[in-house]
Amino acid sequence: MRVGIFGGSFDPVHNGHVRAAERFREECALDLVYVLPNSIPNLKDRKVAPAEDRLAMLRLAFAGKEKDGFLVSDLEVRRGGVSYTCDTVSELKRMHPGAELYLFFGDDWLEGLPRWKNVRELLANVTVALANRSGRDVTALVAELERNYGANFRILRFQALDASSTARRAGDLSLCCDAVNRYIAEKGLYV
């Protein structure tokens, strides 16, 4: 079994996130993709919307995609505190013994990866499915991380949508589905 891990702050989830998750599942031939909002982001330097709201918006954005193997999970929210990817990977390994785990993230996180908690253990337990969001050549950096950490990277072929949570927080309604936009308006988020 191949299990994908697609986590983040999702503040808010936008169409680019949904498309990225779909490409992640397709390119890595995943049986199941966990979509997990973090409880308290470890590497954000700004306040984010409450975890329960970010979880609710993810459920709206991924509604109907369960049949395609997507599972919006409250695993990190229930655990509480600062969210660390290594803890989530450990928990999913226990839940899915023998499964191949794939961790999705964008190339904008590569330089900071050595500072992640328990990075060596983390990278020993997953294949990193890397989205080249920047369009830059990351092959040398990936090769260095593979050499230094014994990591296994797979660079995905998709093109990221021009969408960002920052732009949605600033008011660009075109970036989210109608259900998420309604939720944001009803809850008075990002005003």
N, C-alpha and C. Protein backbone atom coordinates (compact mmCIF):
# COMPACT_ATOMS: atom_id res chain seq x y z
N MET A 1 0.85 -1.18 0.00
CA MET A 1 0.00 0.00 0.00
C MET A 1 0.89 1.24 0.00
N ARG A 2 0.48 2.23 -0.77
CA ARG A 2 1.20 3.50 -0.83
C ARG A 2 0.33 4.59 -0.21
N VAL A 3 0.88 5.26 0.81
CA VAL A 3 0.14 6.26 1.56
C VAL A 3 0.84 7.61 1.42
N GLY A 4 0.08 8.62 1.04
CA GLY A 4 0.61 9.96 0.88
C GLY A 4 0.28 10.83 2.07
N ILE A 5 1.16 11.79 2.34
CA ILE A 5 0.99 12.74 3.44
C ILE A 5 1.08 14.14 2.83
N PHE A 6 -0.02 14.86 2.90
CA PHE A 6 -0.10 16.22 2.36
C PHE A 6 -0.53 17.12 3.50
N GLY A 7 0.43 17.75 4.14
CA GLY A 7 0.12 18.58 5.30
C GLY A 7 0.49 20.02 5.09
N GLY A 8 0.06 20.84 6.01
CA GLY A 8 0.38 22.26 5.95
C GLY A 8 -0.57 23.06 6.80
N SER A 9 -0.43 24.36 6.71
CA SER A 9 -1.33 25.21 7.48
C SER A 9 -2.67 25.39 6.76
N PHE A 10 -2.67 25.37 5.43
CA PHE A 10 -3.91 25.50 4.65
C PHE A 10 -4.73 26.67 5.18
N ASP A 11 -4.15 27.86 5.11
CA ASP A 11 -4.73 29.05 5.75
C ASP A 11 -5.05 30.15 4.76
N PRO A 12 -6.09 29.97 3.92
CA PRO A 12 -6.99 28.83 3.79
C PRO A 12 -6.54 27.89 2.67
N VAL A 13 -7.21 26.73 2.61
CA VAL A 13 -7.01 25.82 1.50
C VAL A 13 -7.53 26.52 0.23
N HIS A 14 -6.80 26.35 -0.87
CA HIS A 14 -7.23 26.96 -2.14
C HIS A 14 -7.17 25.92 -3.25
N ASN A 15 -7.62 26.31 -4.43
CA ASN A 15 -7.69 25.38 -5.56
C ASN A 15 -6.33 24.80 -5.93
N GLY A 16 -5.26 25.56 -5.72
CA GLY A 16 -3.93 25.06 -5.99
C GLY A 16 -3.56 23.90 -5.08
N HIS A 17 -3.99 23.95 -3.83
CA HIS A 17 -3.76 22.83 -2.91
C HIS A 17 -4.47 21.57 -3.39
N VAL A 18 -5.72 21.74 -3.79
CA VAL A 18 -6.50 20.58 -4.23
C VAL A 18 -5.88 19.97 -5.48
N ARG A 19 -5.51 20.81 -6.42
CA ARG A 19 -4.88 20.31 -7.66
C ARG A 19 -3.54 19.63 -7.34
N ALA A 20 -2.76 20.21 -6.45
CA ALA A 20 -1.47 19.61 -6.08
C ALA A 20 -1.69 18.24 -5.45
N ALA A 21 -2.68 18.12 -4.57
CA ALA A 21 -2.97 16.83 -3.94
C ALA A 21 -3.36 15.78 -4.99
N GLU A 22 -4.15 16.20 -5.97
CA GLU A 22 -4.55 15.28 -7.04
C GLU A 22 -3.36 14.81 -7.86
N ARG A 23 -2.48 15.72 -8.21
CA ARG A 23 -1.27 15.36 -8.98
C ARG A 23 -0.36 14.47 -8.15
N PHE A 24 -0.20 14.76 -6.88
CA PHE A 24 0.58 13.96 -5.95
C PHE A 24 0.07 12.52 -5.97
N ARG A 25 -1.24 12.35 -5.82
CA ARG A 25 -1.84 11.01 -5.81
C ARG A 25 -1.60 10.30 -7.13
N GLU A 26 -1.82 11.01 -8.23
CA GLU A 26 -1.68 10.40 -9.56
C GLU A 26 -0.23 10.02 -9.86
N GLU A 27 0.70 10.94 -9.68
CA GLU A 27 2.08 10.69 -10.07
C GLU A 27 2.77 9.64 -9.20
N CYS A 28 2.37 9.55 -7.96
CA CYS A 28 2.99 8.56 -7.06
C CYS A 28 2.15 7.28 -6.94
N ALA A 29 1.05 7.21 -7.68
CA ALA A 29 0.16 6.04 -7.66
C ALA A 29 -0.21 5.66 -6.23
N LEU A 30 -0.72 6.64 -5.48
CA LEU A 30 -1.04 6.44 -4.08
C LEU A 30 -2.42 5.83 -3.90
N ASP A 31 -2.53 4.95 -2.92
CA ASP A 31 -3.81 4.34 -2.59
C ASP A 31 -4.63 5.25 -1.68
N LEU A 32 -3.94 6.00 -0.85
CA LEU A 32 -4.59 6.85 0.14
C LEU A 32 -3.74 8.08 0.35
N VAL A 33 -4.38 9.24 0.44
CA VAL A 33 -3.67 10.49 0.73
C VAL A 33 -4.31 11.13 1.95
N TYR A 34 -3.52 11.26 3.00
CA TYR A 34 -3.94 12.00 4.18
C TYR A 34 -3.71 13.48 3.91
N VAL A 35 -4.76 14.29 4.09
CA VAL A 35 -4.66 15.74 3.98
C VAL A 35 -4.83 16.26 5.40
N LEU A 36 -3.76 16.86 5.93
CA LEU A 36 -3.71 17.17 7.36
C LEU A 36 -3.36 18.63 7.63
N PRO A 37 -4.29 19.37 8.21
CA PRO A 37 -3.89 20.71 8.66
C PRO A 37 -3.12 20.57 9.96
N ASN A 38 -2.09 21.40 10.12
CA ASN A 38 -1.35 21.33 11.37
C ASN A 38 -2.14 22.02 12.49
N SER A 39 -1.80 21.66 13.70
CA SER A 39 -2.44 22.27 14.86
C SER A 39 -1.87 23.67 15.05
N ILE A 40 -0.59 23.72 15.37
CA ILE A 40 0.13 24.99 15.46
C ILE A 40 1.34 24.83 14.55
N PRO A 41 1.42 25.63 13.49
CA PRO A 41 2.54 25.50 12.56
C PRO A 41 3.87 25.77 13.25
N ASN A 42 4.84 24.94 12.96
CA ASN A 42 6.17 25.09 13.53
C ASN A 42 6.95 26.22 12.87
N LEU A 43 6.78 26.40 11.57
CA LEU A 43 7.66 27.31 10.84
C LEU A 43 6.96 28.55 10.30
N LYS A 44 5.82 28.92 10.85
CA LYS A 44 5.14 30.14 10.42
C LYS A 44 5.45 31.26 11.40
N ASP A 45 5.67 32.45 10.86
CA ASP A 45 5.96 33.58 11.74
C ASP A 45 4.78 34.54 11.83
N ARG A 46 3.61 34.04 11.52
CA ARG A 46 2.41 34.87 11.64
C ARG A 46 1.31 34.01 12.25
N LYS A 47 0.30 34.68 12.76
CA LYS A 47 -0.85 33.99 13.35
C LYS A 47 -1.69 33.38 12.22
N VAL A 48 -2.20 32.18 12.45
CA VAL A 48 -3.06 31.52 11.46
C VAL A 48 -4.46 31.36 12.04
N ALA A 49 -5.42 31.10 11.16
CA ALA A 49 -6.80 30.85 11.60
C ALA A 49 -6.82 29.62 12.51
N PRO A 50 -7.81 29.52 13.39
CA PRO A 50 -7.89 28.37 14.28
C PRO A 50 -7.87 27.04 13.50
N ALA A 51 -7.23 26.05 14.09
CA ALA A 51 -7.08 24.74 13.44
C ALA A 51 -8.43 24.14 13.06
N GLU A 52 -9.43 24.31 13.90
CA GLU A 52 -10.75 23.74 13.62
C GLU A 52 -11.35 24.35 12.36
N ASP A 53 -11.13 25.65 12.14
CA ASP A 53 -11.63 26.30 10.92
C ASP A 53 -10.87 25.81 9.70
N ARG A 54 -9.56 25.68 9.81
CA ARG A 54 -8.77 25.21 8.67
C ARG A 54 -9.13 23.77 8.31
N LEU A 55 -9.42 22.96 9.32
CA LEU A 55 -9.88 21.58 9.10
C LEU A 55 -11.24 21.58 8.41
N ALA A 56 -12.16 22.40 8.87
CA ALA A 56 -13.50 22.48 8.26
C ALA A 56 -13.41 22.91 6.79
N MET A 57 -12.54 23.88 6.50
CA MET A 57 -12.39 24.32 5.11
C MET A 57 -11.80 23.22 4.23
N LEU A 58 -10.86 22.45 4.78
CA LEU A 58 -10.31 21.32 4.02
C LEU A 58 -11.39 20.30 3.70
N ARG A 59 -12.25 20.03 4.66
CA ARG A 59 -13.34 19.07 4.43
C ARG A 59 -14.27 19.56 3.33
N LEU A 60 -14.51 20.84 3.28
CA LEU A 60 -15.34 21.41 2.21
C LEU A 60 -14.63 21.31 0.86
N ALA A 61 -13.36 21.66 0.82
CA ALA A 61 -12.61 21.65 -0.44
C ALA A 61 -12.43 20.25 -1.01
N PHE A 62 -12.35 19.25 -0.14
CA PHE A 62 -12.13 17.86 -0.58
C PHE A 62 -13.40 17.02 -0.52
N ALA A 63 -14.55 17.65 -0.33
CA ALA A 63 -15.82 16.92 -0.26
C ALA A 63 -16.02 16.12 -1.54
N GLY A 64 -16.38 14.85 -1.39
CA GLY A 64 -16.62 13.97 -2.53
C GLY A 64 -15.37 13.29 -3.06
N LYS A 65 -14.21 13.66 -2.56
CA LYS A 65 -12.96 13.07 -3.05
C LYS A 65 -12.52 11.85 -2.25
N GLU A 66 -13.31 11.45 -1.27
CA GLU A 66 -12.98 10.26 -0.49
C GLU A 66 -12.92 9.03 -1.40
N LYS A 67 -13.80 8.98 -2.36
CA LYS A 67 -13.83 7.84 -3.30
C LYS A 67 -12.56 7.77 -4.14
N ASP A 68 -11.84 8.88 -4.24
CA ASP A 68 -10.57 8.93 -4.98
C ASP A 68 -9.37 8.68 -4.08
N GLY A 69 -9.62 8.38 -2.81
CA GLY A 69 -8.52 8.05 -1.91
C GLY A 69 -8.03 9.19 -1.05
N PHE A 70 -8.80 10.26 -0.92
CA PHE A 70 -8.39 11.38 -0.08
C PHE A 70 -9.08 11.30 1.28
N LEU A 71 -8.31 11.50 2.33
CA LEU A 71 -8.84 11.48 3.68
C LEU A 71 -8.37 12.74 4.40
N VAL A 72 -9.30 13.67 4.62
CA VAL A 72 -8.97 14.85 5.41
C VAL A 72 -8.95 14.39 6.87
N SER A 73 -7.82 14.58 7.52
CA SER A 73 -7.61 14.01 8.85
C SER A 73 -7.35 15.09 9.89
N ASP A 74 -7.87 14.85 11.08
CA ASP A 74 -7.65 15.75 12.21
C ASP A 74 -6.52 15.26 13.12
N LEU A 75 -5.69 14.38 12.61
CA LEU A 75 -4.62 13.76 13.39
C LEU A 75 -3.75 14.79 14.12
N GLU A 76 -3.26 15.78 13.41
CA GLU A 76 -2.39 16.79 14.04
C GLU A 76 -3.18 17.74 14.93
N VAL A 77 -4.41 18.03 14.54
CA VAL A 77 -5.26 18.91 15.35
C VAL A 77 -5.57 18.24 16.68
N ARG A 78 -5.92 16.94 16.65
CA ARG A 78 -6.20 16.20 17.89
C ARG A 78 -4.96 16.10 18.77
N ARG A 79 -3.81 15.91 18.15
CA ARG A 79 -2.57 15.80 18.93
C ARG A 79 -2.28 17.12 19.65
N GLY A 80 -2.65 18.23 19.03
CA GLY A 80 -2.46 19.54 19.64
C GLY A 80 -1.01 19.96 19.68
N GLY A 81 -0.78 21.16 20.16
CA GLY A 81 0.57 21.68 20.26
C GLY A 81 1.17 21.96 18.90
N VAL A 82 2.47 22.20 18.90
CA VAL A 82 3.19 22.46 17.65
C VAL A 82 3.22 21.17 16.84
N SER A 83 2.94 21.27 15.56
CA SER A 83 2.92 20.10 14.68
C SER A 83 4.30 19.88 14.07
N TYR A 84 4.80 18.66 14.22
CA TYR A 84 6.06 18.26 13.62
C TYR A 84 5.80 17.10 12.67
N THR A 85 6.31 17.20 11.47
CA THR A 85 6.09 16.18 10.45
C THR A 85 6.59 14.82 10.91
N CYS A 86 7.72 14.79 11.62
CA CYS A 86 8.26 13.50 12.08
C CYS A 86 7.28 12.77 12.98
N ASP A 87 6.53 13.48 13.81
CA ASP A 87 5.55 12.85 14.69
C ASP A 87 4.39 12.27 13.88
N THR A 88 3.97 13.00 12.86
CA THR A 88 2.88 12.52 12.01
C THR A 88 3.32 11.28 11.24
N VAL A 89 4.52 11.30 10.71
CA VAL A 89 5.03 10.14 9.97
C VAL A 89 5.10 8.92 10.89
N SER A 90 5.59 9.11 12.10
CA SER A 90 5.67 8.00 13.05
C SER A 90 4.29 7.41 13.34
N GLU A 91 3.32 8.29 13.52
CA GLU A 91 1.96 7.82 13.80
C GLU A 91 1.36 7.09 12.60
N LEU A 92 1.58 7.61 11.41
CA LEU A 92 1.03 6.94 10.22
C LEU A 92 1.73 5.62 9.95
N LYS A 93 3.00 5.51 10.29
CA LYS A 93 3.71 4.23 10.17
C LYS A 93 3.08 3.18 11.07
N ARG A 94 2.70 3.59 12.28
CA ARG A 94 2.04 2.66 13.20
C ARG A 94 0.65 2.27 12.67
N MET A 95 -0.05 3.21 12.08
CA MET A 95 -1.40 2.96 11.58
C MET A 95 -1.40 2.10 10.32
N HIS A 96 -0.33 2.19 9.53
CA HIS A 96 -0.23 1.48 8.25
C HIS A 96 1.08 0.72 8.18
N PRO A 97 1.23 -0.34 9.00
CA PRO A 97 2.50 -1.08 8.99
C PRO A 97 2.78 -1.66 7.60
N GLY A 98 4.01 -1.49 7.17
CA GLY A 98 4.42 -2.03 5.87
C GLY A 98 4.10 -1.15 4.68
N ALA A 99 3.36 -0.07 4.90
CA ALA A 99 3.02 0.82 3.79
C ALA A 99 4.22 1.66 3.38
N GLU A 100 4.28 2.01 2.10
CA GLU A 100 5.26 2.97 1.62
C GLU A 100 4.67 4.36 1.86
N LEU A 101 5.41 5.21 2.56
CA LEU A 101 4.94 6.55 2.86
C LEU A 101 5.60 7.57 1.94
N TYR A 102 4.78 8.46 1.40
CA TYR A 102 5.23 9.53 0.53
C TYR A 102 4.84 10.86 1.16
N LEU A 103 5.81 11.74 1.30
CA LEU A 103 5.58 13.05 1.89
C LEU A 103 5.68 14.12 0.81
N PHE A 104 4.63 14.90 0.67
CA PHE A 104 4.56 15.94 -0.35
C PHE A 104 4.96 17.28 0.25
N PHE A 105 5.86 17.99 -0.44
CA PHE A 105 6.06 19.40 -0.13
C PHE A 105 6.72 20.10 -1.31
N GLY A 106 6.72 21.43 -1.25
CA GLY A 106 7.25 22.24 -2.32
C GLY A 106 8.74 22.53 -2.16
N ASP A 107 9.38 22.85 -3.27
CA ASP A 107 10.82 23.10 -3.25
C ASP A 107 11.20 24.32 -2.43
N ASP A 108 10.24 25.16 -2.08
CA ASP A 108 10.53 26.31 -1.24
C ASP A 108 10.92 25.90 0.19
N TRP A 109 10.71 24.64 0.54
CA TRP A 109 11.08 24.15 1.87
C TRP A 109 12.43 23.44 1.89
N LEU A 110 13.05 23.26 0.75
CA LEU A 110 14.28 22.45 0.68
C LEU A 110 15.42 23.00 1.53
N GLU A 111 15.70 24.27 1.42
CA GLU A 111 16.83 24.83 2.15
C GLU A 111 16.66 24.69 3.66
N GLY A 112 15.43 24.78 4.14
CA GLY A 112 15.18 24.68 5.58
C GLY A 112 15.03 23.26 6.09
N LEU A 113 14.98 22.29 5.21
CA LEU A 113 14.75 20.91 5.61
C LEU A 113 15.74 20.40 6.67
N PRO A 114 17.03 20.72 6.59
CA PRO A 114 17.95 20.24 7.63
C PRO A 114 17.61 20.72 9.04
N ARG A 115 16.79 21.76 9.17
CA ARG A 115 16.42 22.27 10.49
C ARG A 115 15.14 21.61 11.04
N TRP A 116 14.50 20.75 10.25
CA TRP A 116 13.28 20.10 10.71
C TRP A 116 13.60 19.15 11.86
N LYS A 117 12.67 18.99 12.75
CA LYS A 117 12.84 18.09 13.90
C LYS A 117 13.05 16.65 13.41
N ASN A 118 14.07 15.99 13.95
CA ASN A 118 14.37 14.58 13.64
C ASN A 118 14.42 14.31 12.14
N VAL A 119 15.06 15.21 11.40
CA VAL A 119 15.04 15.14 9.94
C VAL A 119 15.62 13.84 9.40
N ARG A 120 16.67 13.34 10.01
CA ARG A 120 17.30 12.11 9.51
C ARG A 120 16.32 10.93 9.61
N GLU A 121 15.67 10.81 10.76
CA GLU A 121 14.67 9.74 10.97
C GLU A 121 13.49 9.94 10.01
N LEU A 122 13.04 11.17 9.89
CA LEU A 122 11.93 11.49 9.00
C LEU A 122 12.24 11.04 7.58
N LEU A 123 13.39 11.45 7.06
CA LEU A 123 13.74 11.15 5.67
C LEU A 123 14.01 9.66 5.44
N ALA A 124 14.35 8.94 6.50
CA ALA A 124 14.56 7.49 6.37
C ALA A 124 13.24 6.74 6.22
N ASN A 125 12.13 7.39 6.58
CA ASN A 125 10.84 6.71 6.60
C ASN A 125 9.88 7.11 5.49
N VAL A 126 10.30 8.03 4.61
CA VAL A 126 9.40 8.50 3.55
C VAL A 126 10.17 8.66 2.23
N THR A 127 9.42 8.66 1.17
CA THR A 127 9.90 9.18 -0.10
C THR A 127 9.34 10.58 -0.20
N VAL A 128 10.20 11.55 -0.44
CA VAL A 128 9.73 12.93 -0.57
C VAL A 128 9.29 13.15 -2.01
N ALA A 129 8.03 13.50 -2.16
CA ALA A 129 7.48 13.86 -3.47
C ALA A 129 7.55 15.38 -3.55
N LEU A 130 8.43 15.86 -4.36
CA LEU A 130 8.76 17.29 -4.39
C LEU A 130 8.06 18.00 -5.54
N ALA A 131 7.33 19.04 -5.19
CA ALA A 131 6.70 19.90 -6.18
C ALA A 131 7.64 21.05 -6.47
N ASN A 132 8.06 21.17 -7.70
CA ASN A 132 8.93 22.28 -8.07
C ASN A 132 8.06 23.48 -8.38
N ARG A 133 7.72 24.22 -7.33
CA ARG A 133 6.83 25.37 -7.46
C ARG A 133 7.55 26.58 -8.03
N SER A 134 8.84 26.67 -7.80
CA SER A 134 9.59 27.87 -8.18
C SER A 134 10.05 27.85 -9.63
N GLY A 135 10.15 26.65 -10.21
CA GLY A 135 10.68 26.52 -11.56
C GLY A 135 12.20 26.54 -11.63
N ARG A 136 12.87 26.66 -10.50
CA ARG A 136 14.34 26.68 -10.50
C ARG A 136 14.88 25.25 -10.58
N ASP A 137 16.13 25.13 -10.91
CA ASP A 137 16.79 23.83 -10.98
C ASP A 137 17.21 23.43 -9.57
N VAL A 138 16.59 22.38 -9.03
CA VAL A 138 16.86 21.96 -7.66
C VAL A 138 17.62 20.64 -7.61
N THR A 139 18.09 20.16 -8.75
CA THR A 139 18.72 18.83 -8.79
C THR A 139 19.96 18.75 -7.90
N ALA A 140 20.79 19.78 -7.86
CA ALA A 140 22.00 19.75 -7.03
C ALA A 140 21.63 19.72 -5.55
N LEU A 141 20.66 20.51 -5.16
CA LEU A 141 20.24 20.55 -3.75
C LEU A 141 19.61 19.22 -3.35
N VAL A 142 18.78 18.65 -4.21
CA VAL A 142 18.17 17.35 -3.93
C VAL A 142 19.26 16.28 -3.81
N ALA A 143 20.22 16.28 -4.72
CA ALA A 143 21.31 15.30 -4.67
C ALA A 143 22.10 15.43 -3.37
N GLU A 144 22.33 16.66 -2.92
CA GLU A 144 23.05 16.88 -1.67
C GLU A 144 22.26 16.33 -0.48
N LEU A 145 20.95 16.59 -0.45
CA LEU A 145 20.11 16.07 0.64
C LEU A 145 20.05 14.55 0.61
N GLU A 146 19.97 13.98 -0.57
CA GLU A 146 19.98 12.52 -0.67
C GLU A 146 21.30 11.95 -0.15
N ARG A 147 22.37 12.59 -0.50
CA ARG A 147 23.71 12.13 -0.07
C ARG A 147 23.89 12.31 1.44
N ASN A 148 23.54 13.46 1.96
CA ASN A 148 23.78 13.78 3.37
C ASN A 148 22.82 13.08 4.34
N TYR A 149 21.61 12.78 3.86
CA TYR A 149 20.59 12.24 4.77
C TYR A 149 20.09 10.86 4.35
N GLY A 150 20.57 10.34 3.24
CA GLY A 150 20.06 9.06 2.77
C GLY A 150 18.61 9.17 2.32
N ALA A 151 18.22 10.37 1.95
CA ALA A 151 16.83 10.63 1.57
C ALA A 151 16.55 10.09 0.17
N ASN A 152 15.27 9.89 -0.08
CA ASN A 152 14.81 9.46 -1.40
C ASN A 152 13.80 10.49 -1.89
N PHE A 153 14.15 11.21 -2.95
CA PHE A 153 13.28 12.25 -3.51
C PHE A 153 12.70 11.79 -4.84
N ARG A 154 11.51 12.25 -5.09
CA ARG A 154 10.89 12.07 -6.40
C ARG A 154 10.36 13.45 -6.80
N ILE A 155 10.92 14.01 -7.86
CA ILE A 155 10.48 15.33 -8.31
C ILE A 155 9.27 15.14 -9.21
N LEU A 156 8.17 15.75 -8.82
CA LEU A 156 6.91 15.61 -9.56
C LEU A 156 6.93 16.48 -10.81
N ARG A 157 6.13 16.10 -11.77
CA ARG A 157 6.12 16.78 -13.06
C ARG A 157 5.04 17.86 -13.19
N PHE A 158 4.30 18.11 -12.17
CA PHE A 158 3.19 19.04 -12.33
C PHE A 158 3.62 20.49 -12.29
N GLN A 159 2.80 21.33 -12.88
CA GLN A 159 2.98 22.77 -12.80
C GLN A 159 2.01 23.30 -11.74
N ALA A 160 2.53 24.03 -10.79
CA ALA A 160 1.68 24.58 -9.73
C ALA A 160 0.76 25.65 -10.31
N LEU A 161 -0.46 25.70 -9.79
CA LEU A 161 -1.38 26.78 -10.17
C LEU A 161 -0.89 28.07 -9.54
N ASP A 162 -1.18 29.17 -10.18
CA ASP A 162 -0.82 30.47 -9.63
C ASP A 162 -1.88 30.83 -8.59
N ALA A 163 -1.73 30.25 -7.41
CA ALA A 163 -2.69 30.47 -6.33
C ALA A 163 -1.92 30.50 -5.03
N SER A 164 -2.37 31.33 -4.12
CA SER A 164 -1.71 31.36 -2.82
C SER A 164 -2.72 31.69 -1.74
N SER A 165 -2.46 31.16 -0.55
CA SER A 165 -3.31 31.48 0.59
C SER A 165 -3.22 32.96 0.93
N THR A 166 -2.04 33.53 0.73
CA THR A 166 -1.85 34.97 1.01
C THR A 166 -2.80 35.80 0.15
N ALA A 167 -2.88 35.47 -1.14
CA ALA A 167 -3.76 36.23 -2.04
C ALA A 167 -5.23 36.03 -1.65
N ARG A 168 -5.59 34.81 -1.21
CA ARG A 168 -6.98 34.59 -0.80
C ARG A 168 -7.28 35.36 0.47
N ARG A 169 -6.34 35.36 1.41
CA ARG A 169 -6.56 36.14 2.64
C ARG A 169 -6.74 37.62 2.32
N ALA A 170 -6.10 38.07 1.24
CA ALA A 170 -6.22 39.47 0.81
C ALA A 170 -7.52 39.73 0.06
N GLY A 171 -8.29 38.67 -0.22
CA GLY A 171 -9.62 38.88 -0.81
C GLY A 171 -9.87 38.31 -2.18
N ASP A 172 -8.93 37.61 -2.80
CA ASP A 172 -9.14 37.04 -4.14
C ASP A 172 -10.03 35.80 -4.05
N LEU A 173 -11.32 35.98 -4.30
CA LEU A 173 -12.29 34.89 -4.17
C LEU A 173 -12.14 33.81 -5.22
N SER A 174 -11.46 34.09 -6.32
CA SER A 174 -11.32 33.12 -7.40
C SER A 174 -10.43 31.94 -7.03
N LEU A 175 -9.70 32.05 -5.93
CA LEU A 175 -8.72 31.03 -5.57
C LEU A 175 -9.30 29.85 -4.80
N CYS A 176 -10.51 30.00 -4.26
CA CYS A 176 -11.12 28.93 -3.46
C CYS A 176 -12.47 28.54 -4.06
N CYS A 177 -12.90 27.33 -3.72
CA CYS A 177 -14.22 26.89 -4.16
C CYS A 177 -15.29 27.69 -3.40
N ASP A 178 -16.51 27.67 -3.95
CA ASP A 178 -17.59 28.45 -3.35
C ASP A 178 -17.85 28.08 -1.90
N ALA A 179 -17.80 26.78 -1.58
CA ALA A 179 -18.09 26.34 -0.21
C ALA A 179 -17.07 26.93 0.77
N VAL A 180 -15.81 26.96 0.39
CA VAL A 180 -14.78 27.54 1.27
C VAL A 180 -14.97 29.04 1.38
N ASN A 181 -15.26 29.70 0.27
CA ASN A 181 -15.51 31.15 0.33
C ASN A 181 -16.69 31.48 1.24
N ARG A 182 -17.76 30.68 1.17
CA ARG A 182 -18.92 30.90 2.05
C ARG A 182 -18.52 30.73 3.52
N TYR A 183 -17.75 29.67 3.78
CA TYR A 183 -17.31 29.42 5.15
C TYR A 183 -16.49 30.59 5.69
N ILE A 184 -15.57 31.08 4.88
CA ILE A 184 -14.73 32.21 5.28
C ILE A 184 -15.60 33.43 5.60
N ALA A 185 -16.60 33.69 4.75
CA ALA A 185 -17.48 34.85 4.96
C ALA A 185 -18.33 34.66 6.22
N GLU A 186 -18.90 33.45 6.40
CA GLU A 186 -19.75 33.19 7.55
C GLU A 186 -18.99 33.30 8.87
N LYS A 187 -17.76 32.87 8.88
CA LYS A 187 -16.95 32.88 10.10
C LYS A 187 -16.20 34.20 10.29
N GLY A 188 -16.21 35.06 9.28
CA GLY A 188 -15.51 36.33 9.38
C GLY A 188 -13.99 36.18 9.45
N LEU A 189 -13.49 35.17 8.76
CA LEU A 189 -12.05 34.93 8.75
C LEU A 189 -11.36 35.92 7.79
N TYR A 190 -10.14 36.27 8.09
CA TYR A 190 -9.27 37.09 7.24
C TYR A 190 -9.83 38.48 6.98
N VAL A 191 -10.54 39.05 7.92
CA VAL A 191 -11.06 40.43 7.74
C VAL A 191 -10.21 41.42 8.54
